[in-house]
């Protein structure tokens, strides 16, 4: 158990990641997730990291299908399709990624980013 709790996801110890994830799940369930960039970014960051970890530790997926990236893409799509993610949260994330232009900004930052040591 000590090994599990010492694991880090997105730079957080597992215990803090679980607490943050629980708060997000509860706020989504009760419909009090913040609208706009704050709520969308927090939701996408935490659940993207969770799906990435699942993909990186699942042997077949990690070896033959591409690991965390493929689980993030198809896992997020499946959760939305089966209405596991509430519609208002899904719409907020879609607005953040498409209409607010975050995806364009992120791709531009990746392309033009500077490497420094």
PDB file of N, CA and C in Angstrom:
ATOM      1  N   UNK A   1       0.820  -1.195   0.000  1.00  0.00           N
ATOM      2  CA  UNK A   1       0.000   0.000   0.000  1.00  0.00           C
ATOM      3  C   UNK A   1       0.860   1.253   0.000  1.00  0.00           C
ATOM      4  N   UNK A   2       2.008   1.190   0.639  1.00  0.00           N
ATOM      5  CA  UNK A   2       2.879   2.351   0.671  1.00  0.00           C
ATOM      6  C   UNK A   2       3.350   2.712  -0.732  1.00  0.00           C
ATOM      7  N   UNK A   3       3.604   1.708  -1.574  1.00  0.00           N
ATOM      8  CA  UNK A   3       4.022   1.951  -2.938  1.00  0.00           C
ATOM      9  C   UNK A   3       2.936   2.692  -3.719  1.00  0.00           C
ATOM     10  N   UNK A   4       1.682   2.309  -3.521  1.00  0.00           N
ATOM     11  CA  UNK A   4       0.558   2.950  -4.194  1.00  0.00           C
ATOM     12  C   UNK A   4       0.433   4.404  -3.788  1.00  0.00           C
ATOM     13  N   UNK A   5       0.528   4.681  -2.497  1.00  0.00           N
ATOM     14  CA  UNK A   5       0.370   6.048  -2.017  1.00  0.00           C
ATOM     15  C   UNK A   5       1.546   6.947  -2.367  1.00  0.00           C
ATOM     16  N   UNK A   6       2.698   6.355  -2.659  1.00  0.00           N
ATOM     17  CA  UNK A   6       3.848   7.176  -3.045  1.00  0.00           C
ATOM     18  C   UNK A   6       3.861   7.470  -4.543  1.00  0.00           C
ATOM     19  N   UNK A   7       2.934   6.873  -5.284  1.00  0.00           N
ATOM     20  CA  UNK A   7       2.828   7.143  -6.718  1.00  0.00           C
ATOM     21  C   UNK A   7       2.408   8.586  -6.930  1.00  0.00           C
ATOM     22  N   UNK A   8       2.944   9.204  -7.971  1.00  0.00           N
ATOM     23  CA  UNK A   8       2.576  10.581  -8.293  1.00  0.00           C
ATOM     24  C   UNK A   8       1.866  10.622  -9.633  1.00  0.00           C
ATOM     25  N   UNK A   9       0.794  11.370  -9.669  1.00  0.00           N
ATOM     26  CA  UNK A   9       0.070  11.634 -10.908  1.00  0.00           C
ATOM     27  C   UNK A   9       0.023  13.141 -11.062  1.00  0.00           C
ATOM     28  N   UNK A  10       0.403  13.611 -12.226  1.00  0.00           N
ATOM     29  CA  UNK A  10       0.546  15.037 -12.539  1.00  0.00           C
ATOM     30  C   UNK A  10       1.242  15.814 -11.422  1.00  0.00           C
ATOM     31  N   UNK A  11       2.238  15.199 -10.839  1.00  0.00           N
ATOM     32  CA  UNK A  11       3.038  15.856  -9.815  1.00  0.00           C
ATOM     33  C   UNK A  11       2.465  15.828  -8.411  1.00  0.00           C
ATOM     34  N   UNK A  12       1.285  15.245  -8.245  1.00  0.00           N
ATOM     35  CA  UNK A  12       0.645  15.170  -6.928  1.00  0.00           C
ATOM     36  C   UNK A  12       0.807  13.776  -6.356  1.00  0.00           C
ATOM     37  N   UNK A  13       0.993  13.702  -5.039  1.00  0.00           N
ATOM     38  CA  UNK A  13       0.951  12.400  -4.381  1.00  0.00           C
ATOM     39  C   UNK A  13      -0.438  11.802  -4.578  1.00  0.00           C
ATOM     40  N   UNK A  14      -0.502  10.490  -4.560  1.00  0.00           N
ATOM     41  CA  UNK A  14      -1.762   9.793  -4.831  1.00  0.00           C
ATOM     42  C   UNK A  14      -2.874  10.232  -3.874  1.00  0.00           C
ATOM     43  N   UNK A  15      -2.539  10.447  -2.608  1.00  0.00           N
ATOM     44  CA  UNK A  15      -3.600  10.828  -1.657  1.00  0.00           C
ATOM     45  C   UNK A  15      -4.229  12.163  -2.043  1.00  0.00           C
ATOM     46  N   UNK A  16      -3.419  13.118  -2.514  1.00  0.00           N
ATOM     47  CA  UNK A  16      -3.963  14.417  -2.922  1.00  0.00           C
ATOM     48  C   UNK A  16      -4.723  14.299  -4.240  1.00  0.00           C
ATOM     49  N   UNK A  17      -4.227  13.459  -5.116  1.00  0.00           N
ATOM     50  CA  UNK A  17      -4.921  13.256  -6.382  1.00  0.00           C
ATOM     51  C   UNK A  17      -6.301  12.646  -6.143  1.00  0.00           C
ATOM     52  N   UNK A  18      -6.389  11.697  -5.230  1.00  0.00           N
ATOM     53  CA  UNK A  18      -7.680  11.076  -4.909  1.00  0.00           C
ATOM     54  C   UNK A  18      -8.632  12.105  -4.310  1.00  0.00           C
ATOM     55  N   UNK A  19      -8.138  12.958  -3.437  1.00  0.00           N
ATOM     56  CA  UNK A  19      -8.980  13.996  -2.819  1.00  0.00           C
ATOM     57  C   UNK A  19      -9.496  14.961  -3.877  1.00  0.00           C
ATOM     58  N   UNK A  20      -8.613  15.443  -4.748  1.00  0.00           N
ATOM     59  CA  UNK A  20      -9.017  16.368  -5.806  1.00  0.00           C
ATOM     60  C   UNK A  20     -10.010  15.694  -6.755  1.00  0.00           C
ATOM     61  N   UNK A  21      -9.749  14.447  -7.121  1.00  0.00           N
ATOM     62  CA  UNK A  21     -10.666  13.715  -8.002  1.00  0.00           C
ATOM     63  C   UNK A  21     -12.034  13.543  -7.365  1.00  0.00           C
ATOM     64  N   UNK A  22     -12.055  13.239  -6.072  1.00  0.00           N
ATOM     65  CA  UNK A  22     -13.320  13.079  -5.356  1.00  0.00           C
ATOM     66  C   UNK A  22     -14.114  14.384  -5.358  1.00  0.00           C
ATOM     67  N   UNK A  23     -13.441  15.494  -5.118  1.00  0.00           N
ATOM     68  CA  UNK A  23     -14.117  16.795  -5.114  1.00  0.00           C
ATOM     69  C   UNK A  23     -14.706  17.092  -6.492  1.00  0.00           C
ATOM     70  N   UNK A  24     -13.968  16.775  -7.547  1.00  0.00           N
ATOM     71  CA  UNK A  24     -14.458  17.022  -8.901  1.00  0.00           C
ATOM     72  C   UNK A  24     -15.648  16.127  -9.226  1.00  0.00           C
ATOM     73  N   UNK A  25     -15.570  14.855  -8.854  1.00  0.00           N
ATOM     74  CA  UNK A  25     -16.683  13.934  -9.125  1.00  0.00           C
ATOM     75  C   UNK A  25     -17.936  14.382  -8.381  1.00  0.00           C
ATOM     76  N   UNK A  26     -17.794  14.771  -7.132  1.00  0.00           N
ATOM     77  CA  UNK A  26     -18.949  15.222  -6.347  1.00  0.00           C
ATOM     78  C   UNK A  26     -19.533  16.507  -6.930  1.00  0.00           C
ATOM     79  N   UNK A  27     -18.663  17.440  -7.322  1.00  0.00           N
ATOM     80  CA  UNK A  27     -19.180  18.691  -7.887  1.00  0.00           C
ATOM     81  C   UNK A  27     -19.855  18.460  -9.233  1.00  0.00           C
ATOM     82  N   UNK A  28     -19.368  17.502 -10.020  1.00  0.00           N
ATOM     83  CA  UNK A  28     -20.046  17.154 -11.278  1.00  0.00           C
ATOM     84  C   UNK A  28     -21.396  16.493 -10.999  1.00  0.00           C
ATOM     85  N   UNK A  29     -21.422  15.607 -10.023  1.00  0.00           N
ATOM     86  CA  UNK A  29     -22.662  14.891  -9.700  1.00  0.00           C
ATOM     87  C   UNK A  29     -23.753  15.831  -9.206  1.00  0.00           C
ATOM     88  N   UNK A  30     -23.376  16.844  -8.444  1.00  0.00           N
ATOM     89  CA  UNK A  30     -24.364  17.791  -7.909  1.00  0.00           C
ATOM     90  C   UNK A  30     -24.585  18.995  -8.816  1.00  0.00           C
ATOM     91  N   UNK A  31     -23.886  19.043  -9.951  1.00  0.00           N
ATOM     92  CA  UNK A  31     -24.086  20.127 -10.909  1.00  0.00           C
ATOM     93  C   UNK A  31     -23.524  21.459 -10.483  1.00  0.00           C
ATOM     94  N   UNK A  32     -22.510  21.448  -9.639  1.00  0.00           N
ATOM     95  CA  UNK A  32     -21.919  22.708  -9.174  1.00  0.00           C
ATOM     96  C   UNK A  32     -20.497  22.915  -9.700  1.00  0.00           C
ATOM     97  N   UNK A  33     -20.136  22.174 -10.734  1.00  0.00           N
ATOM     98  CA  UNK A  33     -18.826  22.344 -11.347  1.00  0.00           C
ATOM     99  C   UNK A  33     -18.763  23.737 -11.966  1.00  0.00           C
ATOM    100  N   UNK A  34     -17.707  24.496 -11.712  1.00  0.00           N
ATOM    101  CA  UNK A  34     -17.625  25.859 -12.276  1.00  0.00           C
ATOM    102  C   UNK A  34     -17.679  25.837 -13.800  1.00  0.00           C
ATOM    103  N   UNK A  35     -18.356  26.807 -14.360  1.00  0.00           N
ATOM    104  CA  UNK A  35     -18.418  26.938 -15.817  1.00  0.00           C
ATOM    105  C   UNK A  35     -17.180  27.695 -16.289  1.00  0.00           C
ATOM    106  N   UNK A  36     -16.900  27.608 -17.545  1.00  0.00           N
ATOM    107  CA  UNK A  36     -15.792  28.343 -18.127  1.00  0.00           C
ATOM    108  C   UNK A  36     -14.475  27.605 -18.013  1.00  0.00           C
ATOM    109  N   UNK A  37     -13.422  28.369 -18.159  1.00  0.00           N
ATOM    110  CA  UNK A  37     -12.086  27.801 -18.236  1.00  0.00           C
ATOM    111  C   UNK A  37     -11.681  27.066 -16.963  1.00  0.00           C
ATOM    112  N   UNK A  38     -12.003  27.591 -15.812  1.00  0.00           N
ATOM    113  CA  UNK A  38     -11.564  26.989 -14.549  1.00  0.00           C
ATOM    114  C   UNK A  38     -12.105  25.573 -14.382  1.00  0.00           C
ATOM    115  N   UNK A  39     -13.386  25.396 -14.561  1.00  0.00           N
ATOM    116  CA  UNK A  39     -13.985  24.080 -14.395  1.00  0.00           C
ATOM    117  C   UNK A  39     -13.561  23.099 -15.472  1.00  0.00           C
ATOM    118  N   UNK A  40     -13.528  23.573 -16.714  1.00  0.00           N
ATOM    119  CA  UNK A  40     -13.155  22.686 -17.822  1.00  0.00           C
ATOM    120  C   UNK A  40     -11.708  22.240 -17.708  1.00  0.00           C
ATOM    121  N   UNK A  41     -10.812  23.171 -17.420  1.00  0.00           N
ATOM    122  CA  UNK A  41      -9.393  22.833 -17.336  1.00  0.00           C
ATOM    123  C   UNK A  41      -9.137  21.862 -16.194  1.00  0.00           C
ATOM    124  N   UNK A  42      -9.761  22.098 -15.044  1.00  0.00           N
ATOM    125  CA  UNK A  42      -9.587  21.215 -13.903  1.00  0.00           C
ATOM    126  C   UNK A  42     -10.107  19.814 -14.208  1.00  0.00           C
ATOM    127  N   UNK A  43     -11.288  19.726 -14.785  1.00  0.00           N
ATOM    128  CA  UNK A  43     -11.870  18.426 -15.132  1.00  0.00           C
ATOM    129  C   UNK A  43     -10.999  17.683 -16.133  1.00  0.00           C
ATOM    130  N   UNK A  44     -10.607  18.361 -17.207  1.00  0.00           N
ATOM    131  CA  UNK A  44      -9.802  17.721 -18.250  1.00  0.00           C
ATOM    132  C   UNK A  44      -8.433  17.300 -17.733  1.00  0.00           C
ATOM    133  N   UNK A  45      -7.835  18.121 -16.884  1.00  0.00           N
ATOM    134  CA  UNK A  45      -6.512  17.810 -16.358  1.00  0.00           C
ATOM    135  C   UNK A  45      -6.551  16.559 -15.482  1.00  0.00           C
ATOM    136  N   UNK A  46      -7.493  16.494 -14.571  1.00  0.00           N
ATOM    137  CA  UNK A  46      -7.551  15.377 -13.631  1.00  0.00           C
ATOM    138  C   UNK A  46      -7.976  14.089 -14.328  1.00  0.00           C
ATOM    139  N   UNK A  47      -9.025  14.128 -15.128  1.00  0.00           N
ATOM    140  CA  UNK A  47      -9.489  12.897 -15.756  1.00  0.00           C
ATOM    141  C   UNK A  47      -8.594  12.474 -16.917  1.00  0.00           C
ATOM    142  N   UNK A  48      -7.961  13.423 -17.586  1.00  0.00           N
ATOM    143  CA  UNK A  48      -6.972  13.072 -18.600  1.00  0.00           C
ATOM    144  C   UNK A  48      -5.779  12.362 -17.981  1.00  0.00           C
ATOM    145  N   UNK A  49      -5.322  12.860 -16.833  1.00  0.00           N
ATOM    146  CA  UNK A  49      -4.199  12.208 -16.141  1.00  0.00           C
ATOM    147  C   UNK A  49      -4.590  10.817 -15.658  1.00  0.00           C
ATOM    148  N   UNK A  50      -5.822  10.671 -15.174  1.00  0.00           N
ATOM    149  CA  UNK A  50      -6.289   9.366 -14.710  1.00  0.00           C
ATOM    150  C   UNK A  50      -6.363   8.365 -15.867  1.00  0.00           C
ATOM    151  N   UNK A  51      -6.943   8.768 -16.981  1.00  0.00           N
ATOM    152  CA  UNK A  51      -7.020   7.871 -18.141  1.00  0.00           C
ATOM    153  C   UNK A  51      -5.628   7.564 -18.694  1.00  0.00           C
ATOM    154  N   UNK A  52      -4.734   8.535 -18.655  1.00  0.00           N
ATOM    155  CA  UNK A  52      -3.359   8.313 -19.103  1.00  0.00           C
ATOM    156  C   UNK A  52      -2.664   7.263 -18.242  1.00  0.00           C
ATOM    157  N   UNK A  53      -2.819   7.352 -16.939  1.00  0.00           N
ATOM    158  CA  UNK A  53      -2.212   6.365 -16.044  1.00  0.00           C
ATOM    159  C   UNK A  53      -2.787   4.977 -16.281  1.00  0.00           C
ATOM    160  N   UNK A  54      -4.098   4.903 -16.479  1.00  0.00           N
ATOM    161  CA  UNK A  54      -4.727   3.602 -16.755  1.00  0.00           C
ATOM    162  C   UNK A  54      -4.138   2.997 -18.023  1.00  0.00           C
ATOM    163  N   UNK A  55      -3.984   3.804 -19.057  1.00  0.00           N
ATOM    164  CA  UNK A  55      -3.412   3.305 -20.307  1.00  0.00           C
ATOM    165  C   UNK A  55      -1.958   2.916 -20.189  1.00  0.00           C
ATOM    166  N   UNK A  56      -1.214   3.621 -19.345  1.00  0.00           N
ATOM    167  CA  UNK A  56       0.213   3.326 -19.198  1.00  0.00           C
ATOM    168  C   UNK A  56       0.506   2.122 -18.314  1.00  0.00           C
ATOM    169  N   UNK A  57      -0.461   1.668 -17.530  1.00  0.00           N
ATOM    170  CA  UNK A  57      -0.220   0.493 -16.689  1.00  0.00           C
ATOM    171  C   UNK A  57      -0.953  -0.756 -17.173  1.00  0.00           C
ATOM    172  N   UNK A  58      -1.815  -0.622 -18.176  1.00  0.00           N
ATOM    173  CA  UNK A  58      -2.521  -1.770 -18.735  1.00  0.00           C
ATOM    174  C   UNK A  58      -1.611  -2.424 -19.777  1.00  0.00           C
ATOM    175  N   UNK A  59      -1.174  -3.672 -19.544  1.00  0.00           N
ATOM    176  CA  UNK A  59      -0.142  -4.275 -20.390  1.00  0.00           C
ATOM    177  C   UNK A  59      -0.448  -4.312 -21.885  1.00  0.00           C
ATOM    178  N   UNK A  60      -1.570  -4.841 -22.294  1.00  0.00           N
ATOM    179  CA  UNK A  60      -1.869  -4.962 -23.720  1.00  0.00           C
ATOM    180  C   UNK A  60      -2.000  -3.595 -24.378  1.00  0.00           C
ATOM    181  N   UNK A  61      -2.712  -2.707 -23.707  1.00  0.00           N
ATOM    182  CA  UNK A  61      -2.913  -1.359 -24.248  1.00  0.00           C
ATOM    183  C   UNK A  61      -1.580  -0.620 -24.349  1.00  0.00           C
ATOM    184  N   UNK A  62      -0.753  -0.748 -23.322  1.00  0.00           N
ATOM    185  CA  UNK A  62       0.545  -0.075 -23.304  1.00  0.00           C
ATOM    186  C   UNK A  62       1.458  -0.582 -24.415  1.00  0.00           C
ATOM    187  N   UNK A  63       1.472  -1.874 -24.631  1.00  0.00           N
ATOM    188  CA  UNK A  63       2.400  -2.474 -25.584  1.00  0.00           C
ATOM    189  C   UNK A  63       1.939  -2.347 -27.037  1.00  0.00           C
ATOM    190  N   UNK A  64       0.669  -2.618 -27.297  1.00  0.00           N
ATOM    191  CA  UNK A  64       0.222  -2.742 -28.674  1.00  0.00           C
ATOM    192  C   UNK A  64      -0.649  -1.595 -29.187  1.00  0.00           C
ATOM    193  N   UNK A  65      -1.248  -0.814 -28.315  1.00  0.00           N
ATOM    194  CA  UNK A  65      -2.202   0.194 -28.774  1.00  0.00           C
ATOM    195  C   UNK A  65      -1.746   1.637 -28.571  1.00  0.00           C
ATOM    196  N   UNK A  66      -0.673   1.875 -27.874  1.00  0.00           N
ATOM    197  CA  UNK A  66      -0.177   3.234 -27.721  1.00  0.00           C
ATOM    198  C   UNK A  66      -0.283   3.792 -26.324  1.00  0.00           C
ATOM    199  N   UNK A  67      -0.774   3.024 -25.390  1.00  0.00           N
ATOM    200  CA  UNK A  67      -0.765   3.433 -23.989  1.00  0.00           C
ATOM    201  C   UNK A  67      -1.774   4.497 -23.631  1.00  0.00           C
ATOM    202  N   UNK A  68      -1.308   5.441 -22.830  1.00  0.00           N
ATOM    203  CA  UNK A  68      -2.192   6.441 -22.246  1.00  0.00           C
ATOM    204  C   UNK A  68      -2.880   7.339 -23.250  1.00  0.00           C
ATOM    205  N   UNK A  69      -2.211   7.669 -24.335  1.00  0.00           N
ATOM    206  CA  UNK A  69      -2.809   8.579 -25.315  1.00  0.00           C
ATOM    207  C   UNK A  69      -4.083   7.989 -25.916  1.00  0.00           C
ATOM    208  N   UNK A  70      -4.046   6.723 -26.259  1.00  0.00           N
ATOM    209  CA  UNK A  70      -5.207   6.091 -26.884  1.00  0.00           C
ATOM    210  C   UNK A  70      -6.351   5.939 -25.878  1.00  0.00           C
ATOM    211  N   UNK A  71      -6.026   5.690 -24.626  1.00  0.00           N
ATOM    212  CA  UNK A  71      -7.073   5.579 -23.600  1.00  0.00           C
ATOM    213  C   UNK A  71      -7.698   6.942 -23.340  1.00  0.00           C
ATOM    214  N   UNK A  72      -6.900   8.003 -23.360  1.00  0.00           N
ATOM    215  CA  UNK A  72      -7.457   9.351 -23.199  1.00  0.00           C
ATOM    216  C   UNK A  72      -8.441   9.673 -24.314  1.00  0.00           C
ATOM    217  N   UNK A  73      -8.075   9.338 -25.535  1.00  0.00           N
ATOM    218  CA  UNK A  73      -8.938   9.650 -26.683  1.00  0.00           C
ATOM    219  C   UNK A  73     -10.217   8.822 -26.642  1.00  0.00           C
ATOM    220  N   UNK A  74     -10.069   7.505 -26.609  1.00  0.00           N
ATOM    221  CA  UNK A  74     -11.243   6.644 -26.693  1.00  0.00           C
ATOM    222  C   UNK A  74     -11.985   6.523 -25.366  1.00  0.00           C
ATOM    223  N   UNK A  75     -11.270   6.607 -24.259  1.00  0.00           N
ATOM    224  CA  UNK A  75     -11.930   6.566 -22.951  1.00  0.00           C
ATOM    225  C   UNK A  75     -12.795   7.788 -22.726  1.00  0.00           C
ATOM    226  N   UNK A  76     -12.263   8.960 -23.056  1.00  0.00           N
ATOM    227  CA  UNK A  76     -13.058  10.188 -22.938  1.00  0.00           C
ATOM    228  C   UNK A  76     -14.268  10.177 -23.851  1.00  0.00           C
ATOM    229  N   UNK A  77     -14.086   9.687 -25.075  1.00  0.00           N
ATOM    230  CA  UNK A  77     -15.204   9.593 -26.016  1.00  0.00           C
ATOM    231  C   UNK A  77     -16.266   8.621 -25.516  1.00  0.00           C
ATOM    232  N   UNK A  78     -15.821   7.481 -24.975  1.00  0.00           N
ATOM    233  CA  UNK A  78     -16.775   6.488 -24.464  1.00  0.00           C
ATOM    234  C   UNK A  78     -17.536   7.018 -23.255  1.00  0.00           C
ATOM    235  N   UNK A  79     -16.834   7.695 -22.347  1.00  0.00           N
ATOM    236  CA  UNK A  79     -17.509   8.247 -21.165  1.00  0.00           C
ATOM    237  C   UNK A  79     -18.543   9.294 -21.553  1.00  0.00           C
ATOM    238  N   UNK A  80     -18.264  10.065 -22.584  1.00  0.00           N
ATOM    239  CA  UNK A  80     -19.224  11.059 -23.060  1.00  0.00           C
ATOM    240  C   UNK A  80     -20.380  10.385 -23.785  1.00  0.00           C
ATOM    241  N   UNK A  81     -20.087   9.407 -24.639  1.00  0.00           N
ATOM    242  CA  UNK A  81     -21.119   8.725 -25.405  1.00  0.00           C
ATOM    243  C   UNK A  81     -22.107   8.007 -24.498  1.00  0.00           C
ATOM    244  N   UNK A  82     -21.618   7.355 -23.451  1.00  0.00           N
ATOM    245  CA  UNK A  82     -22.485   6.616 -22.534  1.00  0.00           C
ATOM    246  C   UNK A  82     -23.047   7.492 -21.417  1.00  0.00           C
ATOM    247  N   UNK A  83     -22.897   8.792 -21.527  1.00  0.00           N
ATOM    248  CA  UNK A  83     -23.439   9.772 -20.577  1.00  0.00           C
ATOM    249  C   UNK A  83     -22.955   9.567 -19.149  1.00  0.00           C
ATOM    250  N   UNK A  84     -21.722   9.069 -18.991  1.00  0.00           N
ATOM    251  CA  UNK A  84     -21.125   8.966 -17.661  1.00  0.00           C
ATOM    252  C   UNK A  84     -20.737  10.364 -17.182  1.00  0.00           C
ATOM    253  N   UNK A  85     -20.254  11.160 -18.122  1.00  0.00           N
ATOM    254  CA  UNK A  85     -19.938  12.557 -17.831  1.00  0.00           C
ATOM    255  C   UNK A  85     -21.214  13.357 -18.049  1.00  0.00           C
ATOM    256  N   UNK A  86     -21.621  14.186 -17.071  1.00  0.00           N
ATOM    257  CA  UNK A  86     -22.847  14.977 -17.245  1.00  0.00           C
ATOM    258  C   UNK A  86     -22.770  15.866 -18.493  1.00  0.00           C
ATOM    259  N   UNK A  87     -23.920  16.093 -19.107  1.00  0.00           N
ATOM    260  CA  UNK A  87     -23.975  16.849 -20.362  1.00  0.00           C
ATOM    261  C   UNK A  87     -23.446  18.269 -20.212  1.00  0.00           C
ATOM    262  N   UNK A  88     -23.731  18.923 -19.074  1.00  0.00           N
ATOM    263  CA  UNK A  88     -23.255  20.303 -18.906  1.00  0.00           C
ATOM    264  C   UNK A  88     -21.731  20.361 -18.776  1.00  0.00           C
ATOM    265  N   UNK A  89     -21.135  19.375 -18.143  1.00  0.00           N
ATOM    266  CA  UNK A  89     -19.673  19.327 -18.028  1.00  0.00           C
ATOM    267  C   UNK A  89     -19.058  19.043 -19.393  1.00  0.00           C
ATOM    268  N   UNK A  90     -19.649  18.120 -20.128  1.00  0.00           N
ATOM    269  CA  UNK A  90     -19.167  17.807 -21.466  1.00  0.00           C
ATOM    270  C   UNK A  90     -19.261  19.017 -22.386  1.00  0.00           C
ATOM    271  N   UNK A  91     -20.372  19.728 -22.323  1.00  0.00           N
ATOM    272  CA  UNK A  91     -20.547  20.931 -23.146  1.00  0.00           C
ATOM    273  C   UNK A  91     -19.542  22.010 -22.753  1.00  0.00           C
ATOM    274  N   UNK A  92     -19.289  22.162 -21.462  1.00  0.00           N
ATOM    275  CA  UNK A  92     -18.312  23.147 -20.992  1.00  0.00           C
ATOM    276  C   UNK A  92     -16.911  22.816 -21.507  1.00  0.00           C
ATOM    277  N   UNK A  93     -16.546  21.541 -21.466  1.00  0.00           N
ATOM    278  CA  UNK A  93     -15.226  21.120 -21.958  1.00  0.00           C
ATOM    279  C   UNK A  93     -15.121  21.307 -23.464  1.00  0.00           C
ATOM    280  N   UNK A  94     -16.196  21.019 -24.202  1.00  0.00           N
ATOM    281  CA  UNK A  94     -16.201  21.209 -25.649  1.00  0.00           C
ATOM    282  C   UNK A  94     -16.046  22.682 -25.992  1.00  0.00           C
ATOM    283  N   UNK A  95     -16.759  23.539 -25.284  1.00  0.00           N
ATOM    284  CA  UNK A  95     -16.638  24.982 -25.502  1.00  0.00           C
ATOM    285  C   UNK A  95     -15.227  25.459 -25.208  1.00  0.00           C
ATOM    286  N   UNK A  96     -14.653  24.977 -24.137  1.00  0.00           N
ATOM    287  CA  UNK A  96     -13.289  25.375 -23.760  1.00  0.00           C
ATOM    288  C   UNK A  96     -12.280  24.952 -24.820  1.00  0.00           C
ATOM    289  N   UNK A  97     -12.398  23.737 -25.311  1.00  0.00           N
ATOM    290  CA  UNK A  97     -11.422  23.235 -26.275  1.00  0.00           C
ATOM    291  C   UNK A  97     -11.618  23.821 -27.673  1.00  0.00           C
ATOM    292  N   UNK A  98     -12.854  23.993 -28.105  1.00  0.00           N
ATOM    293  CA  UNK A  98     -13.107  24.432 -29.475  1.00  0.00           C
ATOM    294  C   UNK A  98     -13.344  25.937 -29.570  1.00  0.00           C
ATOM    295  N   UNK A  99     -14.401  26.418 -28.941  1.00  0.00           N
ATOM    296  CA  UNK A  99     -14.799  27.813 -29.114  1.00  0.00           C
ATOM    297  C   UNK A  99     -13.832  28.791 -28.445  1.00  0.00           C
ATOM    298  N   UNK A 100     -13.294  28.419 -27.299  1.00  0.00           N
ATOM    299  CA  UNK A 100     -12.353  29.305 -26.612  1.00  0.00           C
ATOM    300  C   UNK A 100     -10.957  29.227 -27.220  1.00  0.00           C
ATOM    301  N   UNK A 101     -10.712  28.242 -28.062  1.00  0.00           N
ATOM    302  CA  UNK A 101      -9.446  28.156 -28.781  1.00  0.00           C
ATOM    303  C   UNK A 101      -8.292  27.585 -27.992  1.00  0.00           C
ATOM    304  N   UNK A 102      -8.555  26.856 -26.913  1.00  0.00           N
ATOM    305  CA  UNK A 102      -7.453  26.308 -26.131  1.00  0.00           C
ATOM    306  C   UNK A 102      -6.657  25.281 -26.919  1.00  0.00           C
ATOM    307  N   UNK A 103      -7.321  24.474 -27.701  1.00  0.00           N
ATOM    308  CA  UNK A 103      -6.619  23.463 -28.494  1.00  0.00           C
ATOM    309  C   UNK A 103      -5.666  24.125 -29.485  1.00  0.00           C
ATOM    310  N   UNK A 104      -6.110  25.202 -30.135  1.00  0.00           N
ATOM    311  CA  UNK A 104      -5.228  25.939 -31.049  1.00  0.00           C
ATOM    312  C   UNK A 104      -4.030  26.512 -30.301  1.00  0.00           C
ATOM    313  N   UNK A 105      -4.287  27.072 -29.126  1.00  0.00           N
ATOM    314  CA  UNK A 105      -3.198  27.624 -28.327  1.00  0.00           C
ATOM    315  C   UNK A 105      -2.209  26.536 -27.920  1.00  0.00           C
ATOM    316  N   UNK A 106      -2.702  25.401 -27.499  1.00  0.00           N
ATOM    317  CA  UNK A 106      -1.833  24.319 -27.043  1.00  0.00           C
ATOM    318  C   UNK A 106      -0.967  23.787 -28.185  1.00  0.00           C
ATOM    319  N   UNK A 107      -1.552  23.592 -29.350  1.00  0.00           N
ATOM    320  CA  UNK A 107      -0.786  23.110 -30.493  1.00  0.00           C
ATOM    321  C   UNK A 107       0.271  24.145 -30.894  1.00  0.00           C
ATOM    322  N   UNK A 108      -0.093  25.411 -30.891  1.00  0.00           N
ATOM    323  CA  UNK A 108       0.875  26.466 -31.207  1.00  0.00           C
ATOM    324  C   UNK A 108       2.005  26.509 -30.194  1.00  0.00           C
ATOM    325  N   UNK A 109       1.669  26.335 -28.940  1.00  0.00           N
ATOM    326  CA  UNK A 109       2.698  26.342 -27.894  1.00  0.00           C
ATOM    327  C   UNK A 109       3.632  25.149 -28.039  1.00  0.00           C
ATOM    328  N   UNK A 110       3.100  24.001 -28.426  1.00  0.00           N
ATOM    329  CA  UNK A 110       3.951  22.836 -28.650  1.00  0.00           C
ATOM    330  C   UNK A 110       4.901  23.046 -29.817  1.00  0.00           C
ATOM    331  N   UNK A 111       4.399  23.646 -30.881  1.00  0.00           N
ATOM    332  CA  UNK A 111       5.215  23.843 -32.069  1.00  0.00           C
ATOM    333  C   UNK A 111       6.286  24.906 -31.844  1.00  0.00           C
ATOM    334  N   UNK A 112       5.924  25.990 -31.211  1.00  0.00           N
ATOM    335  CA  UNK A 112       6.861  27.111 -31.075  1.00  0.00           C
ATOM    336  C   UNK A 112       7.590  27.153 -29.738  1.00  0.00           C
ATOM    337  N   UNK A 113       7.308  26.195 -28.871  1.00  0.00           N
ATOM    338  CA  UNK A 113       7.918  26.185 -27.551  1.00  0.00           C
ATOM    339  C   UNK A 113       9.437  26.133 -27.617  1.00  0.00           C
ATOM    340  N   UNK A 114      10.049  26.719 -26.621  1.00  0.00           N
ATOM    341  CA  UNK A 114      11.497  26.766 -26.566  1.00  0.00           C
ATOM    342  C   UNK A 114      12.000  25.743 -25.569  1.00  0.00           C
ATOM    343  N   UNK A 115      13.011  25.006 -25.946  1.00  0.00           N
ATOM    344  CA  UNK A 115      13.628  24.044 -25.061  1.00  0.00           C
ATOM    345  C   UNK A 115      14.757  24.734 -24.322  1.00  0.00           C
ATOM    346  N   UNK A 116      14.757  24.595 -23.008  1.00  0.00           N
ATOM    347  CA  UNK A 116      15.853  25.167 -22.227  1.00  0.00           C
ATOM    348  C   UNK A 116      16.257  24.169 -21.148  1.00  0.00           C
ATOM    349  N   UNK A 117      17.530  24.198 -20.834  1.00  0.00           N
ATOM    350  CA  UNK A 117      18.039  23.283 -19.814  1.00  0.00           C
ATOM    351  C   UNK A 117      18.257  24.005 -18.513  1.00  0.00           C
TER     352      UNK A 117
END
